[in-house]
Amino acid sequence: MRSDSIPITICQERKKDPMEMFQSGQMVKICAPMVRYSKLAFRTLVRKYSCDLCYTPMIVAADFVRSIKARDSEFTTNQGDCPLIVQFAANDARILSDAAQIVCPYANGIDINCGCPQRIHDDLTRTIDLCQKAEATGVSWITVHGRTIEERHQPVHYEAIKIIKESVSIPVVANGDIRNLKEAENVWQMSGTDGVMVARGLLANPAMFAGYEETPLKCIWDWVDIALELGTPFMCFHQHLMYMMEKITSRQEKRVFNALSSTSAVLEYLTDNYGV
């Protein structure tokens, strides 16, 4: 994205305002910010399969403000990429404000990354205090990953997320270990939150919010079409396919597919084995 010439189409779908979604009483289905992965092509794909709201990958605000090259590399969008939240990492209010000013014509919101690696505290009252302070500053909603900083693969503390939700009056989004639509609905109901945010579950199955238990073949070919149309670099194109096909390929098939080194080889493999 160039801040001087502003060549991208401004988001026109303000009717999809995220706050209206949160106030609808329905579960808001959200694609998490994922470094390297939640870029325009992948956001376009998950929107085709019932994802309501997408985040960009985390962007370092200082680099984004300082460098046109960083802006072009880190942020791309188009008219269909809406509603969109841009996530920044920043520790300087002025720089964060400058970065927000650059992207505000193209986004429905700005998110500050406070979750890597700080998640919930061992002493939950500290997390509640932080969330209440954030609410007092005027944030629109808060997303909570239900693990402490030391926890990686331990069960998610959904009860803690529920307590946080009950302690503030703004929308709260639950995040952590959601792998299919049924789990998303269970977490939403259990925690009393306003939406669910999914990362790895969507990487493995971009169609999960539409109710698919594993990635359907149509979704794989949709990814091919979208990625090629948007000029996705091969490494990203291939990596997404490896995630999507994890559950539908044998160990031997994985060895062959994962070793492919060009777009043409991937297309030939998909055509030969899965046919259009």
C-alpha atoms as a PDB file:
ATOM      1  CA  MET A   1       0.000   0.000   0.000  1.00  0.00           C
ATOM      2  CA  ARG A   2       1.374   3.393  -0.928  1.00  0.00           C
ATOM      3  CA  SER A   3       0.441   6.237   1.362  1.00  0.00           C
ATOM      4  CA  ASP A   4       1.214   8.846  -1.284  1.00  0.00           C
ATOM      5  CA  SER A   5      -0.805   7.702  -4.298  1.00  0.00           C
ATOM      6  CA  ILE A   6      -3.420   5.577  -2.438  1.00  0.00           C
ATOM      7  CA  PRO A   7      -4.065   3.170  -5.330  1.00  0.00           C
ATOM      8  CA  ILE A   8      -6.312   0.737  -3.470  1.00  0.00           C
ATOM      9  CA  THR A   9     -10.083   0.830  -3.512  1.00  0.00           C
ATOM     10  CA  ILE A  10     -11.514   2.213  -0.278  1.00  0.00           C
ATOM     11  CA  CYS A  11     -13.734  -0.207   1.600  1.00  0.00           C
ATOM     12  CA  GLN A  12     -17.313   0.647   0.693  1.00  0.00           C
ATOM     13  CA  GLU A  13     -19.175  -1.957   2.788  1.00  0.00           C
ATOM     14  CA  ARG A  14     -19.622   0.032   5.976  1.00  0.00           C
ATOM     15  CA  LYS A  15     -22.961  -1.763   6.381  1.00  0.00           C
ATOM     16  CA  LYS A  16     -20.807  -4.648   7.639  1.00  0.00           C
ATOM     17  CA  ASP A  17     -19.655  -2.606  10.605  1.00  0.00           C
ATOM     18  CA  PRO A  18     -18.142  -5.038  13.155  1.00  0.00           C
ATOM     19  CA  MET A  19     -19.961  -3.443  16.092  1.00  0.00           C
ATOM     20  CA  GLU A  20     -23.286  -4.122  14.396  1.00  0.00           C
ATOM     21  CA  MET A  21     -22.220  -7.750  14.026  1.00  0.00           C
ATOM     22  CA  PHE A  22     -21.397  -8.004  17.725  1.00  0.00           C
ATOM     23  CA  GLN A  23     -24.754  -6.474  18.634  1.00  0.00           C
ATOM     24  CA  SER A  24     -26.711  -8.908  16.454  1.00  0.00           C
ATOM     25  CA  GLY A  25     -26.752 -11.683  19.050  1.00  0.00           C
ATOM     26  CA  GLN A  26     -25.236 -14.088  16.538  1.00  0.00           C
ATOM     27  CA  MET A  27     -21.786 -15.656  16.868  1.00  0.00           C
ATOM     28  CA  VAL A  28     -19.282 -13.491  14.990  1.00  0.00           C
ATOM     29  CA  LYS A  29     -16.817 -15.778  13.177  1.00  0.00           C
ATOM     30  CA  ILE A  30     -13.350 -14.242  12.963  1.00  0.00           C
ATOM     31  CA  CYS A  31     -10.107 -15.101  11.172  1.00  0.00           C
ATOM     32  CA  ALA A  32      -7.199 -14.376  13.512  1.00  0.00           C
ATOM     33  CA  PRO A  33      -4.152 -12.248  12.701  1.00  0.00           C
ATOM     34  CA  MET A  34      -1.485 -14.734  11.576  1.00  0.00           C
ATOM     35  CA  VAL A  35       1.997 -13.616  10.607  1.00  0.00           C
ATOM     36  CA  ARG A  36       2.697 -14.647   6.989  1.00  0.00           C
ATOM     37  CA  TYR A  37      -0.704 -16.310   6.590  1.00  0.00           C
ATOM     38  CA  SER A  38      -3.740 -14.027   7.073  1.00  0.00           C
ATOM     39  CA  LYS A  39      -2.916 -11.929   4.030  1.00  0.00           C
ATOM     40  CA  LEU A  40      -5.330 -10.771   1.338  1.00  0.00           C
ATOM     41  CA  ALA A  41      -5.515 -14.052  -0.590  1.00  0.00           C
ATOM     42  CA  PHE A  42      -6.308 -16.159   2.485  1.00  0.00           C
ATOM     43  CA  ARG A  43      -8.787 -13.569   3.779  1.00  0.00           C
ATOM     44  CA  THR A  44     -10.534 -13.713   0.410  1.00  0.00           C
ATOM     45  CA  LEU A  45     -10.763 -17.493   0.684  1.00  0.00           C
ATOM     46  CA  VAL A  46     -12.196 -17.689   4.205  1.00  0.00           C
ATOM     47  CA  ARG A  47     -14.747 -14.967   3.409  1.00  0.00           C
ATOM     48  CA  LYS A  48     -16.149 -17.331   0.758  1.00  0.00           C
ATOM     49  CA  TYR A  49     -16.787 -19.847   3.543  1.00  0.00           C
ATOM     50  CA  SER A  50     -18.797 -17.863   6.109  1.00  0.00           C
ATOM     51  CA  CYS A  51     -16.034 -15.962   7.899  1.00  0.00           C
ATOM     52  CA  ASP A  52     -17.556 -12.687   9.101  1.00  0.00           C
ATOM     53  CA  LEU A  53     -14.506 -10.624  10.030  1.00  0.00           C
ATOM     54  CA  CYS A  54     -10.813 -10.846   9.097  1.00  0.00           C
ATOM     55  CA  TYR A  55      -7.621  -9.481  10.628  1.00  0.00           C
ATOM     56  CA  THR A  56      -4.397  -8.686   8.825  1.00  0.00           C
ATOM     57  CA  PRO A  57      -1.171 -10.261  10.065  1.00  0.00           C
ATOM     58  CA  MET A  58       0.524  -8.289  12.830  1.00  0.00           C
ATOM     59  CA  ILE A  59       2.306  -5.244  11.376  1.00  0.00           C
ATOM     60  CA  VAL A  60       5.131  -3.443  13.208  1.00  0.00           C
ATOM     61  CA  ALA A  61       3.840   0.132  13.298  1.00  0.00           C
ATOM     62  CA  ALA A  62       7.242   1.820  13.362  1.00  0.00           C
ATOM     63  CA  ASP A  63       8.417   0.047  10.188  1.00  0.00           C
ATOM     64  CA  PHE A  64       5.065   0.656   8.514  1.00  0.00           C
ATOM     65  CA  VAL A  65       5.215   4.398   9.135  1.00  0.00           C
ATOM     66  CA  ARG A  66       8.879   4.742   8.222  1.00  0.00           C
ATOM     67  CA  SER A  67       9.069   2.670   5.033  1.00  0.00           C
ATOM     68  CA  ILE A  68       7.026   2.710   1.833  1.00  0.00           C
ATOM     69  CA  LYS A  69       8.552  -0.683   1.047  1.00  0.00           C
ATOM     70  CA  ALA A  70       7.195  -2.047   4.337  1.00  0.00           C
ATOM     71  CA  ARG A  71       3.751  -0.638   3.575  1.00  0.00           C
ATOM     72  CA  ASP A  72       3.689  -2.224   0.142  1.00  0.00           C
ATOM     73  CA  SER A  73       4.885  -5.546   1.568  1.00  0.00           C
ATOM     74  CA  GLU A  74       2.772  -5.716   4.709  1.00  0.00           C
ATOM     75  CA  PHE A  75      -0.620  -4.399   3.671  1.00  0.00           C
ATOM     76  CA  THR A  76      -2.718  -5.062   0.583  1.00  0.00           C
ATOM     77  CA  THR A  77      -6.477  -5.024   0.259  1.00  0.00           C
ATOM     78  CA  ASN A  78      -9.275  -4.670  -2.273  1.00  0.00           C
ATOM     79  CA  GLN A  79     -12.935  -3.715  -2.348  1.00  0.00           C
ATOM     80  CA  GLY A  80     -14.149  -7.174  -1.336  1.00  0.00           C
ATOM     81  CA  ASP A  81     -11.786  -7.353   1.653  1.00  0.00           C
ATOM     82  CA  CYS A  82     -14.310  -6.048   4.148  1.00  0.00           C
ATOM     83  CA  PRO A  83     -14.897  -5.824   7.049  1.00  0.00           C
ATOM     84  CA  LEU A  84     -11.197  -5.703   7.863  1.00  0.00           C
ATOM     85  CA  ILE A  85      -9.226  -5.096  11.047  1.00  0.00           C
ATOM     86  CA  VAL A  86      -5.568  -4.070  10.780  1.00  0.00           C
ATOM     87  CA  GLN A  87      -3.412  -5.283  13.670  1.00  0.00           C
ATOM     88  CA  PHE A  88      -0.376  -3.274  14.754  1.00  0.00           C
ATOM     89  CA  ALA A  89       2.375  -3.937  17.267  1.00  0.00           C
ATOM     90  CA  ALA A  90       3.489  -0.668  18.843  1.00  0.00           C
ATOM     91  CA  ASN A  91       4.822   0.808  22.069  1.00  0.00           C
ATOM     92  CA  ASP A  92       4.624   4.461  21.061  1.00  0.00           C
ATOM     93  CA  ALA A  93       1.227   6.163  20.894  1.00  0.00           C
ATOM     94  CA  ARG A  94       2.299   8.694  18.270  1.00  0.00           C
ATOM     95  CA  ILE A  95       3.659   6.042  15.914  1.00  0.00           C
ATOM     96  CA  LEU A  96       0.552   3.917  16.387  1.00  0.00           C
ATOM     97  CA  SER A  97      -1.618   6.935  15.601  1.00  0.00           C
ATOM     98  CA  ASP A  98       0.399   7.696  12.468  1.00  0.00           C
ATOM     99  CA  ALA A  99       0.092   4.093  11.270  1.00  0.00           C
ATOM    100  CA  ALA A 100      -3.653   4.101  11.951  1.00  0.00           C
ATOM    101  CA  GLN A 101      -4.072   7.301   9.945  1.00  0.00           C
ATOM    102  CA  ILE A 102      -2.451   5.650   6.931  1.00  0.00           C
ATOM    103  CA  VAL A 103      -4.719   2.597   6.877  1.00  0.00           C
ATOM    104  CA  CYS A 104      -7.968   4.083   8.201  1.00  0.00           C
ATOM    105  CA  PRO A 105      -9.531   4.662   4.749  1.00  0.00           C
ATOM    106  CA  TYR A 106      -9.119   0.964   3.974  1.00  0.00           C
ATOM    107  CA  ALA A 107     -10.137  -0.707   7.240  1.00  0.00           C
ATOM    108  CA  ASN A 108     -13.038  -1.021   9.671  1.00  0.00           C
ATOM    109  CA  GLY A 109     -10.842  -0.989  12.736  1.00  0.00           C
ATOM    110  CA  ILE A 110      -7.366  -0.976  14.255  1.00  0.00           C
ATOM    111  CA  ASP A 111      -6.206  -3.665  16.682  1.00  0.00           C
ATOM    112  CA  ILE A 112      -3.301  -3.435  19.123  1.00  0.00           C
ATOM    113  CA  ASN A 113      -1.472  -6.709  19.684  1.00  0.00           C
ATOM    114  CA  CYS A 114      -1.312  -7.308  23.415  1.00  0.00           C
ATOM    115  CA  GLY A 115      -1.440 -11.106  23.205  1.00  0.00           C
ATOM    116  CA  CYS A 116       2.016 -12.254  22.087  1.00  0.00           C
ATOM    117  CA  PRO A 117       3.152 -13.565  24.481  1.00  0.00           C
ATOM    118  CA  GLN A 118       1.091 -11.949  27.304  1.00  0.00           C
ATOM    119  CA  ARG A 119      -2.169 -13.718  27.518  1.00  0.00           C
ATOM    120  CA  ILE A 120      -4.284 -14.161  30.694  1.00  0.00           C
ATOM    121  CA  HIS A 121      -2.406 -13.767  34.003  1.00  0.00           C
ATOM    122  CA  ASP A 122      -2.142 -16.518  36.615  1.00  0.00           C
ATOM    123  CA  ASP A 123      -3.931 -14.027  38.849  1.00  0.00           C
ATOM    124  CA  LEU A 124      -7.104 -13.471  36.832  1.00  0.00           C
ATOM    125  CA  THR A 125      -7.873 -10.232  38.666  1.00  0.00           C
ATOM    126  CA  ARG A 126      -4.879  -8.666  36.898  1.00  0.00           C
ATOM    127  CA  THR A 127      -6.348  -9.595  33.512  1.00  0.00           C
ATOM    128  CA  ILE A 128      -9.764  -8.278  34.509  1.00  0.00           C
ATOM    129  CA  ASP A 129      -8.173  -5.036  35.685  1.00  0.00           C
ATOM    130  CA  LEU A 130      -6.314  -4.663  32.382  1.00  0.00           C
ATOM    131  CA  CYS A 131      -9.477  -5.308  30.350  1.00  0.00           C
ATOM    132  CA  GLN A 132     -11.467  -2.822  32.408  1.00  0.00           C
ATOM    133  CA  LYS A 133      -8.757  -0.199  31.925  1.00  0.00           C
ATOM    134  CA  ALA A 134      -8.811  -0.877  28.177  1.00  0.00           C
ATOM    135  CA  GLU A 135     -12.589  -0.483  28.175  1.00  0.00           C
ATOM    136  CA  ALA A 136     -12.251   2.830  30.015  1.00  0.00           C
ATOM    137  CA  THR A 137      -9.938   4.158  27.298  1.00  0.00           C
ATOM    138  CA  GLY A 138     -12.656   3.545  24.687  1.00  0.00           C
ATOM    139  CA  VAL A 139     -11.698   0.305  22.936  1.00  0.00           C
ATOM    140  CA  SER A 140     -14.566  -1.244  20.996  1.00  0.00           C
ATOM    141  CA  TRP A 141     -13.959  -4.886  21.891  1.00  0.00           C
ATOM    142  CA  ILE A 142     -11.351  -7.209  23.384  1.00  0.00           C
ATOM    143  CA  THR A 143     -10.110 -10.610  22.232  1.00  0.00           C
ATOM    144  CA  VAL A 144      -8.866 -13.011  24.903  1.00  0.00           C
ATOM    145  CA  HIS A 145      -6.663 -16.048  24.346  1.00  0.00           C
ATOM    146  CA  GLY A 146      -7.397 -18.313  27.282  1.00  0.00           C
ATOM    147  CA  ARG A 147      -3.873 -19.378  28.244  1.00  0.00           C
ATOM    148  CA  THR A 148      -1.132 -17.935  30.427  1.00  0.00           C
ATOM    149  CA  ILE A 149       2.267 -16.937  29.067  1.00  0.00           C
ATOM    150  CA  GLU A 150       3.788 -20.276  30.139  1.00  0.00           C
ATOM    151  CA  GLU A 151       1.081 -22.402  28.547  1.00  0.00           C
ATOM    152  CA  ARG A 152       1.364 -23.611  24.976  1.00  0.00           C
ATOM    153  CA  HIS A 153      -0.664 -26.773  24.391  1.00  0.00           C
ATOM    154  CA  GLN A 154      -2.493 -27.033  27.703  1.00  0.00           C
ATOM    155  CA  PRO A 155      -6.315 -26.823  27.688  1.00  0.00           C
ATOM    156  CA  VAL A 156      -7.728 -23.338  27.169  1.00  0.00           C
ATOM    157  CA  HIS A 157      -9.259 -21.656  30.221  1.00  0.00           C
ATOM    158  CA  TYR A 158     -12.660 -20.845  28.759  1.00  0.00           C
ATOM    159  CA  GLU A 159     -14.066 -20.221  32.234  1.00  0.00           C
ATOM    160  CA  ALA A 160     -11.542 -17.396  32.629  1.00  0.00           C
ATOM    161  CA  ILE A 161     -12.747 -15.875  29.366  1.00  0.00           C
ATOM    162  CA  LYS A 162     -16.323 -16.100  30.668  1.00  0.00           C
ATOM    163  CA  ILE A 163     -15.372 -14.243  33.854  1.00  0.00           C
ATOM    164  CA  ILE A 164     -13.640 -11.536  31.808  1.00  0.00           C
ATOM    165  CA  LYS A 165     -16.745 -11.199  29.618  1.00  0.00           C
ATOM    166  CA  GLU A 166     -18.895 -10.761  32.726  1.00  0.00           C
ATOM    167  CA  SER A 167     -16.526  -8.082  34.036  1.00  0.00           C
ATOM    168  CA  VAL A 168     -16.797  -5.646  31.113  1.00  0.00           C
ATOM    169  CA  SER A 169     -19.643  -4.188  29.097  1.00  0.00           C
ATOM    170  CA  ILE A 170     -17.977  -4.191  25.671  1.00  0.00           C
ATOM    171  CA  PRO A 171     -17.928  -7.220  23.320  1.00  0.00           C
ATOM    172  CA  VAL A 172     -15.399  -9.966  24.087  1.00  0.00           C
ATOM    173  CA  VAL A 173     -14.065 -12.498  21.574  1.00  0.00           C
ATOM    174  CA  ALA A 174     -12.863 -15.955  22.651  1.00  0.00           C
ATOM    175  CA  ASN A 175      -9.735 -17.489  21.135  1.00  0.00           C
ATOM    176  CA  GLY A 176      -7.889 -20.758  21.571  1.00  0.00           C
ATOM    177  CA  ASP A 177      -7.970 -24.329  20.199  1.00  0.00           C
ATOM    178  CA  ILE A 178     -11.110 -24.038  18.075  1.00  0.00           C
ATOM    179  CA  ARG A 179     -10.917 -26.559  15.238  1.00  0.00           C
ATOM    180  CA  ASN A 180     -14.422 -26.839  13.779  1.00  0.00           C
ATOM    181  CA  LEU A 181     -17.772 -25.091  13.735  1.00  0.00           C
ATOM    182  CA  LYS A 182     -19.259 -27.214  16.516  1.00  0.00           C
ATOM    183  CA  GLU A 183     -16.349 -26.375  18.835  1.00  0.00           C
ATOM    184  CA  ALA A 184     -16.736 -22.698  17.923  1.00  0.00           C
ATOM    185  CA  GLU A 185     -20.421 -22.766  18.848  1.00  0.00           C
ATOM    186  CA  ASN A 186     -19.686 -24.627  22.105  1.00  0.00           C
ATOM    187  CA  VAL A 187     -17.013 -22.103  23.129  1.00  0.00           C
ATOM    188  CA  TRP A 188     -19.286 -19.198  22.216  1.00  0.00           C
ATOM    189  CA  GLN A 189     -22.121 -20.548  24.337  1.00  0.00           C
ATOM    190  CA  MET A 190     -19.901 -21.720  27.206  1.00  0.00           C
ATOM    191  CA  SER A 191     -18.047 -18.410  27.519  1.00  0.00           C
ATOM    192  CA  GLY A 192     -20.991 -16.118  26.813  1.00  0.00           C
ATOM    193  CA  THR A 193     -18.779 -14.132  24.452  1.00  0.00           C
ATOM    194  CA  ASP A 194     -19.810 -12.231  21.347  1.00  0.00           C
ATOM    195  CA  GLY A 195     -17.611 -14.030  18.841  1.00  0.00           C
ATOM    196  CA  VAL A 196     -14.852 -16.572  18.310  1.00  0.00           C
ATOM    197  CA  MET A 197     -11.453 -16.057  16.696  1.00  0.00           C
ATOM    198  CA  VAL A 198      -9.712 -18.966  14.967  1.00  0.00           C
ATOM    199  CA  ALA A 199      -6.132 -19.320  13.695  1.00  0.00           C
ATOM    200  CA  ARG A 200      -4.757 -22.849  13.184  1.00  0.00           C
ATOM    201  CA  GLY A 201      -8.215 -24.332  12.714  1.00  0.00           C
ATOM    202  CA  LEU A 202      -8.749 -22.121   9.665  1.00  0.00           C
ATOM    203  CA  LEU A 203      -5.296 -22.838   8.294  1.00  0.00           C
ATOM    204  CA  ALA A 204      -6.135 -26.546   8.347  1.00  0.00           C
ATOM    205  CA  ASN A 205      -9.666 -26.019   7.051  1.00  0.00           C
ATOM    206  CA  PRO A 206     -10.534 -22.592   5.618  1.00  0.00           C
ATOM    207  CA  ALA A 207     -14.121 -23.821   5.154  1.00  0.00           C
ATOM    208  CA  MET A 208     -14.673 -24.718   8.823  1.00  0.00           C
ATOM    209  CA  PHE A 209     -16.997 -21.780   9.524  1.00  0.00           C
ATOM    210  CA  ALA A 210     -19.258 -23.078   6.746  1.00  0.00           C
ATOM    211  CA  GLY A 211     -19.606 -26.367   8.636  1.00  0.00           C
ATOM    212  CA  TYR A 212     -17.104 -28.572   6.800  1.00  0.00           C
ATOM    213  CA  GLU A 213     -15.230 -31.049   9.004  1.00  0.00           C
ATOM    214  CA  GLU A 214     -12.250 -31.100   6.640  1.00  0.00           C
ATOM    215  CA  THR A 215     -11.171 -28.991   3.690  1.00  0.00           C
ATOM    216  CA  PRO A 216     -13.447 -29.711   0.717  1.00  0.00           C
ATOM    217  CA  LEU A 217     -11.892 -30.137  -2.697  1.00  0.00           C
ATOM    218  CA  LYS A 218     -13.735 -27.050  -3.957  1.00  0.00           C
ATOM    219  CA  CYS A 219     -12.023 -24.961  -1.276  1.00  0.00           C
ATOM    220  CA  ILE A 220      -8.618 -26.198  -2.423  1.00  0.00           C
ATOM    221  CA  TRP A 221      -9.336 -25.182  -5.988  1.00  0.00           C
ATOM    222  CA  ASP A 222     -10.793 -21.873  -4.816  1.00  0.00           C
ATOM    223  CA  TRP A 223      -7.465 -21.245  -3.075  1.00  0.00           C
ATOM    224  CA  VAL A 224      -5.568 -22.029  -6.260  1.00  0.00           C
ATOM    225  CA  ASP A 225      -7.700 -19.600  -8.267  1.00  0.00           C
ATOM    226  CA  ILE A 226      -7.522 -16.805  -5.676  1.00  0.00           C
ATOM    227  CA  ALA A 227      -3.802 -17.218  -4.980  1.00  0.00           C
ATOM    228  CA  LEU A 228      -2.866 -17.189  -8.656  1.00  0.00           C
ATOM    229  CA  GLU A 229      -5.134 -14.233  -9.401  1.00  0.00           C
ATOM    230  CA  LEU A 230      -3.593 -12.182  -6.585  1.00  0.00           C
ATOM    231  CA  GLY A 231      -0.009 -13.168  -7.335  1.00  0.00           C
ATOM    232  CA  THR A 232       0.656 -15.031  -4.092  1.00  0.00           C
ATOM    233  CA  PRO A 233       4.354 -15.997  -3.739  1.00  0.00           C
ATOM    234  CA  PHE A 234       4.998 -19.711  -4.214  1.00  0.00           C
ATOM    235  CA  MET A 235       6.138 -20.430  -0.665  1.00  0.00           C
ATOM    236  CA  CYS A 236       2.935 -19.008   0.809  1.00  0.00           C
ATOM    237  CA  PHE A 237       0.774 -20.639  -1.878  1.00  0.00           C
ATOM    238  CA  HIS A 238       2.359 -24.042  -1.233  1.00  0.00           C
ATOM    239  CA  GLN A 239       2.378 -23.759   2.566  1.00  0.00           C
ATOM    240  CA  HIS A 240      -1.327 -23.041   2.712  1.00  0.00           C
ATOM    241  CA  LEU A 241      -2.017 -26.101   0.575  1.00  0.00           C
ATOM    242  CA  MET A 242       0.108 -28.248   2.896  1.00  0.00           C
ATOM    243  CA  TYR A 243      -2.031 -27.123   5.828  1.00  0.00           C
ATOM    244  CA  MET A 244      -5.291 -27.642   3.940  1.00  0.00           C
ATOM    245  CA  MET A 245      -4.394 -31.126   2.704  1.00  0.00           C
ATOM    246  CA  GLU A 246      -2.943 -32.406   5.986  1.00  0.00           C
ATOM    247  CA  LYS A 247      -6.009 -34.494   6.864  1.00  0.00           C
ATOM    248  CA  ILE A 248      -6.845 -35.717   3.390  1.00  0.00           C
ATOM    249  CA  THR A 249      -3.464 -37.040   2.259  1.00  0.00           C
ATOM    250  CA  SER A 250      -1.453 -40.111   3.248  1.00  0.00           C
ATOM    251  CA  ARG A 251       2.073 -39.921   4.644  1.00  0.00           C
ATOM    252  CA  GLN A 252       3.503 -40.888   1.266  1.00  0.00           C
ATOM    253  CA  GLU A 253       1.373 -38.283  -0.523  1.00  0.00           C
ATOM    254  CA  LYS A 254       2.569 -35.644   1.921  1.00  0.00           C
ATOM    255  CA  ARG A 255       6.212 -36.483   1.230  1.00  0.00           C
ATOM    256  CA  VAL A 256       5.665 -36.075  -2.496  1.00  0.00           C
ATOM    257  CA  PHE A 257       3.520 -32.956  -2.316  1.00  0.00           C
ATOM    258  CA  ASN A 258       5.596 -31.145   0.285  1.00  0.00           C
ATOM    259  CA  ALA A 259       8.725 -31.602  -1.814  1.00  0.00           C
ATOM    260  CA  LEU A 260       7.275 -29.815  -4.852  1.00  0.00           C
ATOM    261  CA  SER A 261       9.177 -26.644  -5.676  1.00  0.00           C
ATOM    262  CA  SER A 262       7.193 -24.701  -8.285  1.00  0.00           C
ATOM    263  CA  THR A 263       3.661 -23.527  -8.941  1.00  0.00           C
ATOM    264  CA  SER A 264       3.497 -25.534 -12.155  1.00  0.00           C
ATOM    265  CA  ALA A 265       4.499 -28.710 -10.303  1.00  0.00           C
ATOM    266  CA  VAL A 266       1.805 -28.112  -7.676  1.00  0.00           C
ATOM    267  CA  LEU A 267      -0.858 -27.506 -10.323  1.00  0.00           C
ATOM    268  CA  GLU A 268       0.185 -30.637 -12.194  1.00  0.00           C
ATOM    269  CA  TYR A 269       0.058 -32.694  -8.985  1.00  0.00           C
ATOM    270  CA  LEU A 270      -3.407 -31.377  -8.039  1.00  0.00           C
ATOM    271  CA  THR A 271      -4.765 -31.938 -11.526  1.00  0.00           C
ATOM    272  CA  ASP A 272      -3.388 -35.484 -11.738  1.00  0.00           C
ATOM    273  CA  ASN A 273      -4.546 -36.518  -8.268  1.00  0.00           C
ATOM    274  CA  TYR A 274      -7.662 -34.455  -7.632  1.00  0.00           C
ATOM    275  CA  GLY A 275      -8.774 -33.363 -11.111  1.00  0.00           C
ATOM    276  CA  VAL A 276     -10.701 -30.169 -11.844  1.00  0.00           C
END
